[in-house]
Amino acid sequence: MRRPIEHGQYTSGQLADAAAELGLLRSMGRTGVCWDNAAAESFWSTFKNEYYHRHTFATIDAARRGAYLWIDGWYNARRRHSAIGYLSPLEYERRQLALAA
């Protein structure tokens, strides 16, 4: 049975149908729960404001390469994150591994 098309891209009937056909379980909280996906929302906001909107890309491939380099070379390697004690994610992981050893 086909669902009607809804306006929200992540909550649309079409997406629900596609996920069901592929045997995927979607993970979503209730509408209006602000902390539901706060870490991911924060990342995308930072990505768009600090990188994407400040560059022009000649091709989709250039945008993909640039995004990878920004995430891997800056966001994970050097950018400090307040949620993990103002360390970069890589430094935080290194310290966690050292504590576990």
PDB file of N, CA and C in Angstrom:
ATOM      1  N   MET A   1       0.842  -1.185   0.000  1.00  0.00           N
ATOM      2  CA  MET A   1       0.000   0.000   0.000  1.00  0.00           C
ATOM      3  C   MET A   1       0.885   1.246   0.000  1.00  0.00           C
ATOM      4  N   ARG A   2       0.616   2.154  -0.896  1.00  0.00           N
ATOM      5  CA  ARG A   2       1.406   3.377  -0.983  1.00  0.00           C
ATOM      6  C   ARG A   2       0.917   4.418  -0.007  1.00  0.00           C
ATOM      7  N   ARG A   3       1.863   4.995   0.702  1.00  0.00           N
ATOM      8  CA  ARG A   3       1.522   6.056   1.656  1.00  0.00           C
ATOM      9  C   ARG A   3       1.466   7.389   0.924  1.00  0.00           C
ATOM     10  N   PRO A   4       0.710   8.330   1.457  1.00  0.00           N
ATOM     11  CA  PRO A   4       0.714   9.675   0.851  1.00  0.00           C
ATOM     12  C   PRO A   4       2.065  10.343   1.088  1.00  0.00           C
ATOM     13  N   ILE A   5       2.457  11.204   0.166  1.00  0.00           N
ATOM     14  CA  ILE A   5       3.715  11.930   0.303  1.00  0.00           C
ATOM     15  C   ILE A   5       3.549  12.988   1.384  1.00  0.00           C
ATOM     16  N   GLU A   6       4.464  12.965   2.339  1.00  0.00           N
ATOM     17  CA  GLU A   6       4.450  13.954   3.413  1.00  0.00           C
ATOM     18  C   GLU A   6       5.519  14.986   3.135  1.00  0.00           C
ATOM     19  N   HIS A   7       5.519  16.076   3.864  1.00  0.00           N
ATOM     20  CA  HIS A   7       6.435  17.174   3.602  1.00  0.00           C
ATOM     21  C   HIS A   7       7.820  16.996   4.204  1.00  0.00           C
ATOM     22  N   GLY A   8       7.962  16.335   5.326  1.00  0.00           N
ATOM     23  CA  GLY A   8       9.270  16.174   5.961  1.00  0.00           C
ATOM     24  C   GLY A   8      10.078  15.084   5.271  1.00  0.00           C
ATOM     25  N   GLN A   9      11.271  15.407   4.814  1.00  0.00           N
ATOM     26  CA  GLN A   9      12.046  14.442   4.040  1.00  0.00           C
ATOM     27  C   GLN A   9      12.417  13.196   4.837  1.00  0.00           C
ATOM     28  N   TYR A  10      12.643  13.340   6.147  1.00  0.00           N
ATOM     29  CA  TYR A  10      13.055  12.187   6.939  1.00  0.00           C
ATOM     30  C   TYR A  10      11.883  11.423   7.526  1.00  0.00           C
ATOM     31  N   THR A  11      10.714  11.997   7.480  1.00  0.00           N
ATOM     32  CA  THR A  11       9.546  11.333   8.041  1.00  0.00           C
ATOM     33  C   THR A  11       8.517  11.014   6.967  1.00  0.00           C
ATOM     34  N   SER A  12       8.893  11.108   5.719  1.00  0.00           N
ATOM     35  CA  SER A  12       7.936  10.900   4.644  1.00  0.00           C
ATOM     36  C   SER A  12       7.516   9.440   4.544  1.00  0.00           C
ATOM     37  N   GLY A  13       6.331   9.247   4.033  1.00  0.00           N
ATOM     38  CA  GLY A  13       5.837   7.901   3.792  1.00  0.00           C
ATOM     39  C   GLY A  13       6.704   7.164   2.789  1.00  0.00           C
ATOM     40  N   GLN A  14       7.211   7.890   1.794  1.00  0.00           N
ATOM     41  CA  GLN A  14       8.067   7.258   0.788  1.00  0.00           C
ATOM     42  C   GLN A  14       9.342   6.712   1.422  1.00  0.00           C
ATOM     43  N   LEU A  15       9.933   7.468   2.327  1.00  0.00           N
ATOM     44  CA  LEU A  15      11.146   7.001   2.998  1.00  0.00           C
ATOM     45  C   LEU A  15      10.829   5.799   3.882  1.00  0.00           C
ATOM     46  N   ALA A  16       9.707   5.837   4.577  1.00  0.00           N
ATOM     47  CA  ALA A  16       9.308   4.708   5.420  1.00  0.00           C
ATOM     48  C   ALA A  16       9.108   3.454   4.575  1.00  0.00           C
ATOM     49  N   ASP A  17       8.468   3.610   3.417  1.00  0.00           N
ATOM     50  CA  ASP A  17       8.251   2.469   2.531  1.00  0.00           C
ATOM     51  C   ASP A  17       9.569   1.909   2.014  1.00  0.00           C
ATOM     52  N   ALA A  18      10.482   2.793   1.605  1.00  0.00           N
ATOM     53  CA  ALA A  18      11.779   2.352   1.090  1.00  0.00           C
ATOM     54  C   ALA A  18      12.560   1.622   2.174  1.00  0.00           C
ATOM     55  N   ALA A  19      12.560   2.150   3.392  1.00  0.00           N
ATOM     56  CA  ALA A  19      13.266   1.514   4.502  1.00  0.00           C
ATOM     57  C   ALA A  19      12.673   0.135   4.786  1.00  0.00           C
ATOM     58  N   ALA A  20      11.355   0.034   4.766  1.00  0.00           N
ATOM     59  CA  ALA A  20      10.695  -1.250   5.029  1.00  0.00           C
ATOM     60  C   ALA A  20      11.047  -2.266   3.950  1.00  0.00           C
ATOM     61  N   GLU A  21      11.057  -1.835   2.692  1.00  0.00           N
ATOM     62  CA  GLU A  21      11.406  -2.737   1.593  1.00  0.00           C
ATOM     63  C   GLU A  21      12.832  -3.251   1.713  1.00  0.00           C
ATOM     64  N   LEU A  22      13.731  -2.429   2.244  1.00  0.00           N
ATOM     65  CA  LEU A  22      15.133  -2.811   2.399  1.00  0.00           C
ATOM     66  C   LEU A  22      15.414  -3.496   3.730  1.00  0.00           C
ATOM     67  N   GLY A  23      14.387  -3.623   4.566  1.00  0.00           N
ATOM     68  CA  GLY A  23      14.560  -4.259   5.864  1.00  0.00           C
ATOM     69  C   GLY A  23      15.324  -3.396   6.850  1.00  0.00           C
ATOM     70  N   LEU A  24      15.241  -2.068   6.696  1.00  0.00           N
ATOM     71  CA  LEU A  24      15.961  -1.142   7.574  1.00  0.00           C
ATOM     72  C   LEU A  24      15.038  -0.618   8.666  1.00  0.00           C
ATOM     73  N   LEU A  25      15.600  -0.448   9.846  1.00  0.00           N
ATOM     74  CA  LEU A  25      14.872   0.137  10.956  1.00  0.00           C
ATOM     75  C   LEU A  25      15.338   1.576  11.115  1.00  0.00           C
ATOM     76  N   ARG A  26      14.426   2.516  11.010  1.00  0.00           N
ATOM     77  CA  ARG A  26      14.790   3.928  11.156  1.00  0.00           C
ATOM     78  C   ARG A  26      14.839   4.302  12.627  1.00  0.00           C
ATOM     79  N   SER A  27      15.737   5.202  12.974  1.00  0.00           N
ATOM     80  CA  SER A  27      15.888   5.645  14.351  1.00  0.00           C
ATOM     81  C   SER A  27      15.516   7.115  14.438  1.00  0.00           C
ATOM     82  N   MET A  28      14.393   7.389  15.057  1.00  0.00           N
ATOM     83  CA  MET A  28      13.941   8.775  15.201  1.00  0.00           C
ATOM     84  C   MET A  28      13.227   8.920  16.532  1.00  0.00           C
ATOM     85  N   GLY A  29      13.360  10.099  17.105  1.00  0.00           N
ATOM     86  CA  GLY A  29      12.637  10.396  18.331  1.00  0.00           C
ATOM     87  C   GLY A  29      11.316  11.074  18.013  1.00  0.00           C
ATOM     88  N   ARG A  30      10.693  11.565  19.042  1.00  0.00           N
ATOM     89  CA  ARG A  30       9.427  12.274  18.863  1.00  0.00           C
ATOM     90  C   ARG A  30       9.664  13.653  18.265  1.00  0.00           C
ATOM     91  N   THR A  31       8.686  14.172  17.599  1.00  0.00           N
ATOM     92  CA  THR A  31       8.753  15.521  17.057  1.00  0.00           C
ATOM     93  C   THR A  31       8.906  16.525  18.188  1.00  0.00           C
ATOM     94  N   GLY A  32       9.820  17.471  18.004  1.00  0.00           N
ATOM     95  CA  GLY A  32      10.001  18.524  18.986  1.00  0.00           C
ATOM     96  C   GLY A  32      10.967  18.200  20.102  1.00  0.00           C
ATOM     97  N   VAL A  33      11.584  17.029  20.071  1.00  0.00           N
ATOM     98  CA  VAL A  33      12.563  16.683  21.098  1.00  0.00           C
ATOM     99  C   VAL A  33      13.912  17.222  20.631  1.00  0.00           C
ATOM    100  N   CYS A  34      14.348  18.311  21.226  1.00  0.00           N
ATOM    101  CA  CYS A  34      15.495  19.048  20.709  1.00  0.00           C
ATOM    102  C   CYS A  34      16.810  18.298  20.866  1.00  0.00           C
ATOM    103  N   TRP A  35      16.947  17.423  21.839  1.00  0.00           N
ATOM    104  CA  TRP A  35      18.223  16.736  22.048  1.00  0.00           C
ATOM    105  C   TRP A  35      18.265  15.384  21.347  1.00  0.00           C
ATOM    106  N   ASP A  36      17.234  15.049  20.596  1.00  0.00           N
ATOM    107  CA  ASP A  36      17.142  13.756  19.942  1.00  0.00           C
ATOM    108  C   ASP A  36      18.388  13.428  19.133  1.00  0.00           C
ATOM    109  N   ASN A  37      18.851  14.348  18.325  1.00  0.00           N
ATOM    110  CA  ASN A  37      19.995  14.100  17.458  1.00  0.00           C
ATOM    111  C   ASN A  37      20.929  15.297  17.524  1.00  0.00           C
ATOM    112  N   ALA A  38      21.141  15.793  18.713  1.00  0.00           N
ATOM    113  CA  ALA A  38      21.874  17.047  18.890  1.00  0.00           C
ATOM    114  C   ALA A  38      23.292  16.990  18.357  1.00  0.00           C
ATOM    115  N   ALA A  39      23.996  15.888  18.561  1.00  0.00           N
ATOM    116  CA  ALA A  39      25.387  15.799  18.103  1.00  0.00           C
ATOM    117  C   ALA A  39      25.464  15.879  16.580  1.00  0.00           C
ATOM    118  N   ALA A  40      24.597  15.155  15.896  1.00  0.00           N
ATOM    119  CA  ALA A  40      24.602  15.190  14.433  1.00  0.00           C
ATOM    120  C   ALA A  40      24.175  16.562  13.923  1.00  0.00           C
ATOM    121  N   GLU A  41      23.155  17.147  14.525  1.00  0.00           N
ATOM    122  CA  GLU A  41      22.704  18.471  14.107  1.00  0.00           C
ATOM    123  C   GLU A  41      23.811  19.504  14.317  1.00  0.00           C
ATOM    124  N   SER A  42      24.520  19.403  15.418  1.00  0.00           N
ATOM    125  CA  SER A  42      25.622  20.321  15.688  1.00  0.00           C
ATOM    126  C   SER A  42      26.721  20.171  14.645  1.00  0.00           C
ATOM    127  N   PHE A  43      27.052  18.921  14.310  1.00  0.00           N
ATOM    128  CA  PHE A  43      28.075  18.685  13.290  1.00  0.00           C
ATOM    129  C   PHE A  43      27.692  19.333  11.968  1.00  0.00           C
ATOM    130  N   TRP A  44      26.469  19.065  11.486  1.00  0.00           N
ATOM    131  CA  TRP A  44      26.071  19.604  10.179  1.00  0.00           C
ATOM    132  C   TRP A  44      26.006  21.119  10.196  1.00  0.00           C
ATOM    133  N   SER A  45      25.580  21.704  11.295  1.00  0.00           N
ATOM    134  CA  SER A  45      25.574  23.160  11.407  1.00  0.00           C
ATOM    135  C   SER A  45      26.992  23.714  11.313  1.00  0.00           C
ATOM    136  N   THR A  46      27.910  23.080  12.047  1.00  0.00           N
ATOM    137  CA  THR A  46      29.306  23.507  12.012  1.00  0.00           C
ATOM    138  C   THR A  46      29.885  23.335  10.623  1.00  0.00           C
ATOM    139  N   PHE A  47      29.632  22.187  10.009  1.00  0.00           N
ATOM    140  CA  PHE A  47      30.141  21.920   8.663  1.00  0.00           C
ATOM    141  C   PHE A  47      29.668  22.987   7.675  1.00  0.00           C
ATOM    142  N   LYS A  48      28.383  23.275   7.697  1.00  0.00           N
ATOM    143  CA  LYS A  48      27.841  24.256   6.751  1.00  0.00           C
ATOM    144  C   LYS A  48      28.388  25.655   7.017  1.00  0.00           C
ATOM    145  N   ASN A  49      28.450  26.047   8.287  1.00  0.00           N
ATOM    146  CA  ASN A  49      28.897  27.410   8.607  1.00  0.00           C
ATOM    147  C   ASN A  49      30.405  27.610   8.491  1.00  0.00           C
ATOM    148  N   GLU A  50      31.177  26.616   8.872  1.00  0.00           N
ATOM    149  CA  GLU A  50      32.634  26.768   8.861  1.00  0.00           C
ATOM    150  C   GLU A  50      33.277  26.347   7.539  1.00  0.00           C
ATOM    151  N   TYR A  51      32.594  25.548   6.751  1.00  0.00           N
ATOM    152  CA  TYR A  51      33.224  25.080   5.519  1.00  0.00           C
ATOM    153  C   TYR A  51      32.370  25.306   4.267  1.00  0.00           C
ATOM    154  N   TYR A  52      31.247  24.636   4.191  1.00  0.00           N
ATOM    155  CA  TYR A  52      30.477  24.581   2.949  1.00  0.00           C
ATOM    156  C   TYR A  52      30.086  25.953   2.396  1.00  0.00           C
ATOM    157  N   HIS A  53      29.539  26.812   3.234  1.00  0.00           N
ATOM    158  CA  HIS A  53      29.075  28.115   2.755  1.00  0.00           C
ATOM    159  C   HIS A  53      30.227  29.070   2.438  1.00  0.00           C
ATOM    160  N   ARG A  54      31.442  28.710   2.782  1.00  0.00           N
ATOM    161  CA  ARG A  54      32.602  29.570   2.533  1.00  0.00           C
ATOM    162  C   ARG A  54      33.370  29.173   1.277  1.00  0.00           C
ATOM    163  N   HIS A  55      32.897  28.156   0.568  1.00  0.00           N
ATOM    164  CA  HIS A  55      33.608  27.670  -0.610  1.00  0.00           C
ATOM    165  C   HIS A  55      32.676  27.545  -1.807  1.00  0.00           C
ATOM    166  N   THR A  56      33.267  27.601  -2.978  1.00  0.00           N
ATOM    167  CA  THR A  56      32.570  27.337  -4.228  1.00  0.00           C
ATOM    168  C   THR A  56      33.240  26.114  -4.845  1.00  0.00           C
ATOM    169  N   PHE A  57      32.449  25.181  -5.317  1.00  0.00           N
ATOM    170  CA  PHE A  57      32.982  23.938  -5.849  1.00  0.00           C
ATOM    171  C   PHE A  57      32.674  23.832  -7.338  1.00  0.00           C
ATOM    172  N   ALA A  58      33.698  23.495  -8.113  1.00  0.00           N
ATOM    173  CA  ALA A  58      33.525  23.372  -9.564  1.00  0.00           C
ATOM    174  C   ALA A  58      32.772  22.103  -9.935  1.00  0.00           C
ATOM    175  N   THR A  59      32.945  21.059  -9.147  1.00  0.00           N
ATOM    176  CA  THR A  59      32.295  19.775  -9.440  1.00  0.00           C
ATOM    177  C   THR A  59      31.824  19.140  -8.129  1.00  0.00           C
ATOM    178  N   ILE A  60      30.964  18.157  -8.268  1.00  0.00           N
ATOM    179  CA  ILE A  60      30.520  17.402  -7.102  1.00  0.00           C
ATOM    180  C   ILE A  60      31.706  16.672  -6.482  1.00  0.00           C
ATOM    181  N   ASP A  61      32.591  16.146  -7.339  1.00  0.00           N
ATOM    182  CA  ASP A  61      33.766  15.452  -6.832  1.00  0.00           C
ATOM    183  C   ASP A  61      34.653  16.393  -6.013  1.00  0.00           C
ATOM    184  N   ALA A  62      34.793  17.633  -6.453  1.00  0.00           N
ATOM    185  CA  ALA A  62      35.583  18.612  -5.694  1.00  0.00           C
ATOM    186  C   ALA A  62      34.935  18.894  -4.340  1.00  0.00           C
ATOM    187  N   ALA A  63      33.616  18.950  -4.310  1.00  0.00           N
ATOM    188  CA  ALA A  63      32.906  19.164  -3.041  1.00  0.00           C
ATOM    189  C   ALA A  63      33.114  17.971  -2.112  1.00  0.00           C
ATOM    190  N   ARG A  64      33.052  16.765  -2.648  1.00  0.00           N
ATOM    191  CA  ARG A  64      33.265  15.564  -1.832  1.00  0.00           C
ATOM    192  C   ARG A  64      34.689  15.524  -1.269  1.00  0.00           C
ATOM    193  N   ARG A  65      35.661  15.800  -2.123  1.00  0.00           N
ATOM    194  CA  ARG A  65      37.053  15.798  -1.659  1.00  0.00           C
ATOM    195  C   ARG A  65      37.271  16.859  -0.596  1.00  0.00           C
ATOM    196  N   GLY A  66      36.737  18.046  -0.842  1.00  0.00           N
ATOM    197  CA  GLY A  66      36.882  19.132   0.120  1.00  0.00           C
ATOM    198  C   GLY A  66      36.234  18.801   1.453  1.00  0.00           C
ATOM    199  N   ALA A  67      35.045  18.219   1.407  1.00  0.00           N
ATOM    200  CA  ALA A  67      34.354  17.841   2.640  1.00  0.00           C
ATOM    201  C   ALA A  67      35.158  16.793   3.396  1.00  0.00           C
ATOM    202  N   TYR A  68      35.678  15.815   2.688  1.00  0.00           N
ATOM    203  CA  TYR A  68      36.486  14.782   3.343  1.00  0.00           C
ATOM    204  C   TYR A  68      37.709  15.397   4.008  1.00  0.00           C
ATOM    205  N   LEU A  69      38.399  16.255   3.288  1.00  0.00           N
ATOM    206  CA  LEU A  69      39.600  16.875   3.844  1.00  0.00           C
ATOM    207  C   LEU A  69      39.276  17.738   5.055  1.00  0.00           C
ATOM    208  N   TRP A  70      38.163  18.472   5.009  1.00  0.00           N
ATOM    209  CA  TRP A  70      37.772  19.307   6.145  1.00  0.00           C
ATOM    210  C   TRP A  70      37.442  18.437   7.358  1.00  0.00           C
ATOM    211  N   ILE A  71      36.666  17.371   7.142  1.00  0.00           N
ATOM    212  CA  ILE A  71      36.272  16.509   8.257  1.00  0.00           C
ATOM    213  C   ILE A  71      37.487  15.775   8.824  1.00  0.00           C
ATOM    214  N   ASP A  72      38.254  15.139   7.949  1.00  0.00           N
ATOM    215  CA  ASP A  72      39.374  14.321   8.404  1.00  0.00           C
ATOM    216  C   ASP A  72      40.569  15.149   8.860  1.00  0.00           C
ATOM    217  N   GLY A  73      40.854  16.229   8.150  1.00  0.00           N
ATOM    218  CA  GLY A  73      42.045  17.014   8.450  1.00  0.00           C
ATOM    219  C   GLY A  73      41.850  18.128   9.453  1.00  0.00           C
ATOM    220  N   TRP A  74      40.629  18.606   9.599  1.00  0.00           N
ATOM    221  CA  TRP A  74      40.391  19.706  10.523  1.00  0.00           C
ATOM    222  C   TRP A  74      39.443  19.305  11.651  1.00  0.00           C
ATOM    223  N   TYR A  75      38.220  18.945  11.318  1.00  0.00           N
ATOM    224  CA  TYR A  75      37.193  18.711  12.330  1.00  0.00           C
ATOM    225  C   TYR A  75      37.592  17.609  13.303  1.00  0.00           C
ATOM    226  N   ASN A  76      38.066  16.477  12.804  1.00  0.00           N
ATOM    227  CA  ASN A  76      38.441  15.367  13.680  1.00  0.00           C
ATOM    228  C   ASN A  76      39.855  15.491  14.231  1.00  0.00           C
ATOM    229  N   ALA A  77      40.762  16.102  13.470  1.00  0.00           N
ATOM    230  CA  ALA A  77      42.170  16.103  13.859  1.00  0.00           C
ATOM    231  C   ALA A  77      42.578  17.295  14.720  1.00  0.00           C
ATOM    232  N   ARG A  78      42.033  18.480  14.429  1.00  0.00           N
ATOM    233  CA  ARG A  78      42.545  19.663  15.123  1.00  0.00           C
ATOM    234  C   ARG A  78      41.490  20.526  15.811  1.00  0.00           C
ATOM    235  N   ARG A  79      40.252  20.509  15.324  1.00  0.00           N
ATOM    236  CA  ARG A  79      39.233  21.390  15.911  1.00  0.00           C
ATOM    237  C   ARG A  79      38.881  20.927  17.313  1.00  0.00           C
ATOM    238  N   ARG A  80      38.887  21.849  18.249  1.00  0.00           N
ATOM    239  CA  ARG A  80      38.549  21.526  19.639  1.00  0.00           C
ATOM    240  C   ARG A  80      37.041  21.477  19.812  1.00  0.00           C
ATOM    241  N   HIS A  81      36.589  20.522  20.628  1.00  0.00           N
ATOM    242  CA  HIS A  81      35.164  20.307  20.855  1.00  0.00           C
ATOM    243  C   HIS A  81      34.861  20.483  22.341  1.00  0.00           C
ATOM    244  N   SER A  82      33.942  21.372  22.651  1.00  0.00           N
ATOM    245  CA  SER A  82      33.627  21.656  24.050  1.00  0.00           C
ATOM    246  C   SER A  82      33.053  20.445  24.772  1.00  0.00           C
ATOM    247  N   ALA A  83      32.332  19.583  24.070  1.00  0.00           N
ATOM    248  CA  ALA A  83      31.700  18.424  24.708  1.00  0.00           C
ATOM    249  C   ALA A  83      32.708  17.386  25.194  1.00  0.00           C
ATOM    250  N   ILE A  84      33.951  17.468  24.711  1.00  0.00           N
ATOM    251  CA  ILE A  84      34.970  16.491  25.122  1.00  0.00           C
ATOM    252  C   ILE A  84      36.190  17.205  25.712  1.00  0.00           C
ATOM    253  N   GLY A  85      35.914  18.226  26.489  1.00  0.00           N
ATOM    254  CA  GLY A  85      36.972  18.906  27.223  1.00  0.00           C
ATOM    255  C   GLY A  85      37.902  19.753  26.368  1.00  0.00           C
ATOM    256  N   TYR A  86      37.379  20.301  25.304  1.00  0.00           N
ATOM    257  CA  TYR A  86      38.151  21.154  24.385  1.00  0.00           C
ATOM    258  C   TYR A  86      39.361  20.431  23.789  1.00  0.00           C
ATOM    259  N   LEU A  87      39.156  19.147  23.495  1.00  0.00           N
ATOM    260  CA  LEU A  87      40.150  18.362  22.773  1.00  0.00           C
ATOM    261  C   LEU A  87      39.612  18.084  21.369  1.00  0.00           C
ATOM    262  N   SER A  88      40.508  17.743  20.448  1.00  0.00           N
ATOM    263  CA  SER A  88      40.036  17.267  19.153  1.00  0.00           C
ATOM    264  C   SER A  88      39.537  15.837  19.346  1.00  0.00           C
ATOM    265  N   PRO A  89      38.645  15.353  18.490  1.00  0.00           N
ATOM    266  CA  PRO A  89      38.191  13.967  18.626  1.00  0.00           C
ATOM    267  C   PRO A  89      39.352  12.962  18.596  1.00  0.00           C
ATOM    268  N   LEU A  90      40.338  13.184  17.747  1.00  0.00           N
ATOM    269  CA  LEU A  90      41.465  12.255  17.696  1.00  0.00           C
ATOM    270  C   LEU A  90      42.259  12.263  18.997  1.00  0.00           C
ATOM    271  N   GLU A  91      42.492  13.442  19.559  1.00  0.00           N
ATOM    272  CA  GLU A  91      43.219  13.515  20.825  1.00  0.00           C
ATOM    273  C   GLU A  91      42.403  12.885  21.943  1.00  0.00           C
ATOM    274  N   TYR A  92      41.110  13.104  21.945  1.00  0.00           N
ATOM    275  CA  TYR A  92      40.235  12.491  22.950  1.00  0.00           C
ATOM    276  C   TYR A  92      40.326  10.965  22.871  1.00  0.00           C
ATOM    277  N   GLU A  93      40.249  10.412  21.651  1.00  0.00           N
ATOM    278  CA  GLU A  93      40.344   8.964  21.483  1.00  0.00           C
ATOM    279  C   GLU A  93      41.706   8.444  21.929  1.00  0.00           C
ATOM    280  N   ARG A  94      42.776   9.167  21.589  1.00  0.00           N
ATOM    281  CA  ARG A  94      44.114   8.750  22.033  1.00  0.00           C
ATOM    282  C   ARG A  94      44.184   8.664  23.560  1.00  0.00           C
ATOM    283  N   ARG A  95      43.627   9.668  24.214  1.00  0.00           N
ATOM    284  CA  ARG A  95      43.651   9.676  25.688  1.00  0.00           C
ATOM    285  C   ARG A  95      42.799   8.552  26.276  1.00  0.00           C
ATOM    286  N   GLN A  96      41.666   8.289  25.655  1.00  0.00           N
ATOM    287  CA  GLN A  96      40.817   7.203  26.129  1.00  0.00           C
ATOM    288  C   GLN A  96      41.511   5.845  25.964  1.00  0.00           C
ATOM    289  N   LEU A  97      42.200   5.657  24.856  1.00  0.00           N
ATOM    290  CA  LEU A  97      42.944   4.411  24.641  1.00  0.00           C
ATOM    291  C   LEU A  97      44.077   4.270  25.656  1.00  0.00           C
ATOM    292  N   ALA A  98      44.756   5.372  25.958  1.00  0.00           N
ATOM    293  CA  ALA A  98      45.846   5.341  26.942  1.00  0.00           C
ATOM    294  C   ALA A  98      45.302   4.993  28.329  1.00  0.00           C
ATOM    295  N   LEU A  99      44.132   5.525  28.667  1.00  0.00           N
ATOM    296  CA  LEU A  99      43.529   5.211  29.964  1.00  0.00           C
ATOM    297  C   LEU A  99      43.110   3.738  30.053  1.00  0.00           C
ATOM    298  N   ALA A 100      42.658   3.204  28.946  1.00  0.00           N
ATOM    299  CA  ALA A 100      42.196   1.822  28.932  1.00  0.00           C
ATOM    300  C   ALA A 100      43.347   0.827  28.971  1.00  0.00           C
ATOM    301  N   ALA A 101      44.522   1.264  28.536  1.00  0.00           N
ATOM    302  CA  ALA A 101      45.673   0.338  28.468  1.00  0.00           C
ATOM    303  C   ALA A 101      46.316   0.099  29.810  1.00  0.00           C
TER     304      ALA A 101
END
